[in-house]
Each structure stands twice: as structure tokens, then as C-alpha cells.
Amino acid sequence: MSGLMLIYAIILLSVASLSWSQQLSTKECENLGFTGLALCSDCRTLADYVKDQELVSDCMKCCVEDSDDSMSKITYSGAVLEVCMRKLVFYPEIVGFIEEEKDQFPSVDVQYSFNSPPKLIMLDDNGERKETIRIDNWKREHILQFLREKVKSSSAAA
């Protein structure tokens, strides 16, 4: 009986690892609720606490491998903070950022889009969208820190 269980476990792990290796598009991941800079180590931690293999598999399809060099050195030329104006009342931290801090970042624009959850759309040198990060639960200081680290200052871009 234990040999049968071992074979079943090996098959289960093989199927899970095959499904984890398939990467989904940014849009597919966003539709599943996985947006931003999800790290694969976070998905592995999720697997320790959640027994829903489909959820863990989806997470693994949308994550990037952890690497101090790869993620920490990526910077963007600009960003768009996209949010629904009607929903702003539910996000006082984002309102505070827009009203009091946004002017520190001339390469960050605010765009109001109906029914859009709050998100940062990171732009490359050509103004093309490279990364979308949901910021629903971010505090103002987290937004500030992220933009300071990830958006090139206008003096460096000039």
C-alpha cells in the first residue's frame, strides 16, 4: 500500500511541476488576481499553508524566480497610477499620495479609468507598458519607496 501511495505522490508532483513551468501572460495572471512582482518563493510559501493545488499552480505560472540581481536592479522611465475616480474614497492612502506626494515624481502620471482598481503601470524608455502592479493595500510610504527605487529620476533620464 505504501508503494502505491509513493507512486501516486510522484505522479502528483510531476503533474504539478509540469503545470508550474507554463508561464501565463500578464493579462491572464491579472485576471487570476496575480499581478505585480510575485516571487516564486512566495508561491512556494503559499503551498505550505494552502492545500488548493490549482491556486498554487496558478501562482507558479505567474511568478518570477527570486534573484537579488534581476528584480532589484530593474528601473523604469516612468509610471502611470491608474485608478477609478469613484473608488478613490476607499483608498485614502492613494488619495494622500496623489494630493501631497505625486509632484515629487514628474515622470509619474495619474490616469482615471472607470472601474479600475488602483495600480501602477510601469513604463520603459519608449513609454511602453512593462509591468502592472496592483496597489490596493499599499500605504503611502510603500508607494513612495517603490517609486524612488524603481522610477528613474528625471535628471538621470535627461
Protein backbone atom coordinates (compact mmCIF):
# COMPACT_ATOMS: atom_id res chain seq x y z
CA MET A 1 0.00 0.00 0.00
CA SER A 2 2.80 2.47 0.86
CA GLY A 3 4.43 1.79 -2.54
CA LEU A 4 1.18 2.74 -4.27
CA MET A 5 1.00 5.96 -2.23
CA LEU A 6 4.59 6.78 -3.18
CA ILE A 7 3.85 6.30 -6.88
CA TYR A 8 0.72 8.47 -6.56
CA ALA A 9 2.73 11.22 -4.81
CA ILE A 10 5.42 11.13 -7.52
CA ILE A 11 2.78 11.42 -10.26
CA LEU A 12 1.10 14.29 -8.44
CA LEU A 13 4.38 16.17 -8.06
CA SER A 14 5.27 15.56 -11.71
CA VAL A 15 1.95 16.93 -12.92
CA ALA A 16 2.24 19.93 -10.60
CA SER A 17 5.77 20.73 -11.75
CA LEU A 18 4.71 20.48 -15.41
CA SER A 19 1.83 22.88 -14.87
CA TRP A 20 4.07 25.26 -12.89
CA SER A 21 6.53 25.53 -15.75
CA GLN A 22 3.96 27.09 -18.10
CA GLN A 23 4.04 30.86 -17.80
CA LEU A 24 0.83 32.81 -18.33
CA SER A 25 0.55 36.22 -19.94
CA THR A 26 0.38 39.34 -17.76
CA LYS A 27 -3.31 39.75 -18.63
CA GLU A 28 -4.13 36.12 -17.74
CA CYS A 29 -2.31 36.49 -14.43
CA GLU A 30 -4.11 39.76 -13.68
CA ASN A 31 -7.45 38.07 -14.36
CA LEU A 32 -6.50 35.35 -11.86
CA GLY A 33 -5.62 38.01 -9.28
CA PHE A 34 -1.84 37.61 -9.54
CA THR A 35 -0.32 40.91 -10.54
CA GLY A 36 2.83 42.80 -9.89
CA LEU A 37 6.14 41.36 -8.91
CA ALA A 38 5.09 37.99 -7.49
CA LEU A 39 8.12 35.94 -6.50
CA CYS A 40 8.11 32.14 -6.86
CA SER A 41 9.34 31.78 -3.28
CA ASP A 42 6.06 33.44 -2.20
CA CYS A 43 4.14 30.80 -4.18
CA ARG A 44 6.14 28.04 -2.50
CA THR A 45 5.31 29.57 0.89
CA LEU A 46 1.65 29.72 -0.15
CA ALA A 47 1.80 26.00 -0.94
CA ASP A 48 2.88 25.33 2.67
CA TYR A 49 -0.28 26.96 4.03
CA VAL A 50 -2.90 26.43 1.33
CA LYS A 51 -3.92 22.98 0.17
CA ASP A 52 -5.54 24.26 -3.05
CA GLN A 53 -3.13 22.90 -5.69
CA GLU A 54 -4.86 24.80 -8.50
CA LEU A 55 -4.30 28.12 -6.72
CA VAL A 56 -0.64 27.29 -6.08
CA SER A 57 -0.24 26.17 -9.70
CA ASP A 58 -1.72 29.45 -10.98
CA CYS A 59 0.62 31.37 -8.67
CA MET A 60 3.63 29.48 -10.04
CA LYS A 61 2.54 30.24 -13.62
CA CYS A 62 2.55 33.97 -12.84
CA CYS A 63 5.67 34.34 -10.70
CA VAL A 64 9.26 35.25 -11.40
CA GLU A 65 12.19 33.43 -9.83
CA ASP A 66 13.79 35.20 -6.91
CA SER A 67 17.07 36.83 -7.71
CA ASP A 68 18.61 39.74 -5.91
CA ASP A 69 20.20 40.90 -9.13
CA SER A 70 17.28 40.55 -11.54
CA MET A 71 14.46 42.33 -9.70
CA SER A 72 16.30 44.84 -7.54
CA LYS A 73 18.13 46.46 -10.46
CA ILE A 74 15.14 46.87 -12.78
CA THR A 75 14.16 50.51 -13.16
CA TYR A 76 11.57 52.19 -15.31
CA SER A 77 11.45 55.51 -17.13
CA GLY A 78 8.02 56.38 -15.82
CA ALA A 79 4.76 55.11 -14.46
CA VAL A 80 1.04 55.65 -14.64
CA LEU A 81 -1.02 55.45 -11.46
CA GLU A 82 -4.38 54.22 -12.76
CA VAL A 83 -7.45 54.32 -10.52
CA CYS A 84 -11.20 54.77 -10.73
CA MET A 85 -12.15 58.23 -9.50
CA ARG A 86 -15.36 56.91 -7.95
CA LYS A 87 -13.45 54.31 -5.92
CA LEU A 88 -10.85 56.76 -4.59
CA VAL A 89 -12.90 57.29 -1.43
CA PHE A 90 -11.97 53.71 -0.46
CA TYR A 91 -8.23 54.36 -0.83
CA PRO A 92 -7.20 57.23 1.47
CA GLU A 93 -3.50 56.30 1.23
CA ILE A 94 -3.59 56.66 -2.56
CA VAL A 95 -5.53 59.94 -2.30
CA GLY A 96 -2.87 61.22 0.10
CA PHE A 97 -0.13 60.23 -2.32
CA ILE A 98 -1.85 61.92 -5.29
CA GLU A 99 -2.60 65.12 -3.38
CA GLU A 100 0.62 65.52 -1.40
CA GLU A 101 3.45 63.40 -2.83
CA LYS A 102 2.87 62.90 -6.55
CA ASP A 103 4.68 66.15 -7.52
CA GLN A 104 7.96 64.57 -6.37
CA PHE A 105 7.68 62.24 -9.37
CA PRO A 106 7.34 64.21 -12.62
CA SER A 107 7.53 61.01 -14.69
CA VAL A 108 4.50 59.53 -12.90
CA ASP A 109 1.08 60.40 -14.31
CA VAL A 110 -2.32 59.81 -12.75
CA GLN A 111 -4.93 58.35 -15.05
CA TYR A 112 -8.55 57.91 -14.05
CA SER A 113 -10.14 54.86 -15.61
CA PHE A 114 -13.69 53.73 -14.84
CA ASN A 115 -13.86 50.73 -12.51
CA SER A 116 -10.07 50.26 -12.48
CA PRO A 117 -8.51 49.00 -9.26
CA PRO A 118 -5.56 51.12 -8.11
CA LYS A 119 -2.43 50.03 -9.94
CA LEU A 120 0.94 51.26 -11.09
CA ILE A 121 1.72 50.69 -14.74
CA MET A 122 5.47 50.78 -15.18
CA LEU A 123 6.81 52.21 -18.46
CA ASP A 124 10.03 51.66 -20.38
CA ASP A 125 12.08 54.29 -22.24
CA ASN A 126 9.62 54.19 -25.16
CA GLY A 127 6.57 54.68 -22.96
CA GLU A 128 5.53 51.05 -23.44
CA ARG A 129 3.84 49.20 -20.57
CA LYS A 130 6.25 46.73 -18.99
CA GLU A 131 4.74 45.80 -15.64
CA THR A 132 1.42 46.27 -13.86
CA ILE A 133 1.33 46.25 -10.07
CA ARG A 134 -1.85 46.35 -8.01
CA ILE A 135 -1.51 48.75 -5.08
CA ASP A 136 -4.92 48.39 -3.41
CA ASN A 137 -3.50 47.80 0.06
CA TRP A 138 -0.29 49.80 -0.15
CA LYS A 139 0.40 52.54 2.34
CA ARG A 140 1.63 55.89 1.11
CA GLU A 141 5.19 55.23 2.32
CA HIS A 142 5.25 51.97 0.34
CA ILE A 143 4.24 53.79 -2.84
CA LEU A 144 6.92 56.41 -2.21
CA GLN A 145 9.63 53.83 -1.52
CA PHE A 146 8.72 51.75 -4.56
CA LEU A 147 8.73 54.75 -6.91
CA ARG A 148 12.03 56.04 -5.50
CA GLU A 149 13.64 52.66 -6.13
CA LYS A 150 12.04 51.78 -9.46
CA VAL A 151 11.44 55.02 -11.39
CA LYS A 152 14.47 56.79 -12.82
CA SER A 153 14.70 60.37 -11.68
CA SER A 154 14.07 62.93 -14.40
CA SER A 155 17.62 64.29 -14.02
CA ALA A 156 19.07 60.80 -14.68
CA ALA A 157 16.82 60.33 -17.71
CA ALA A 158 17.79 63.65 -19.28
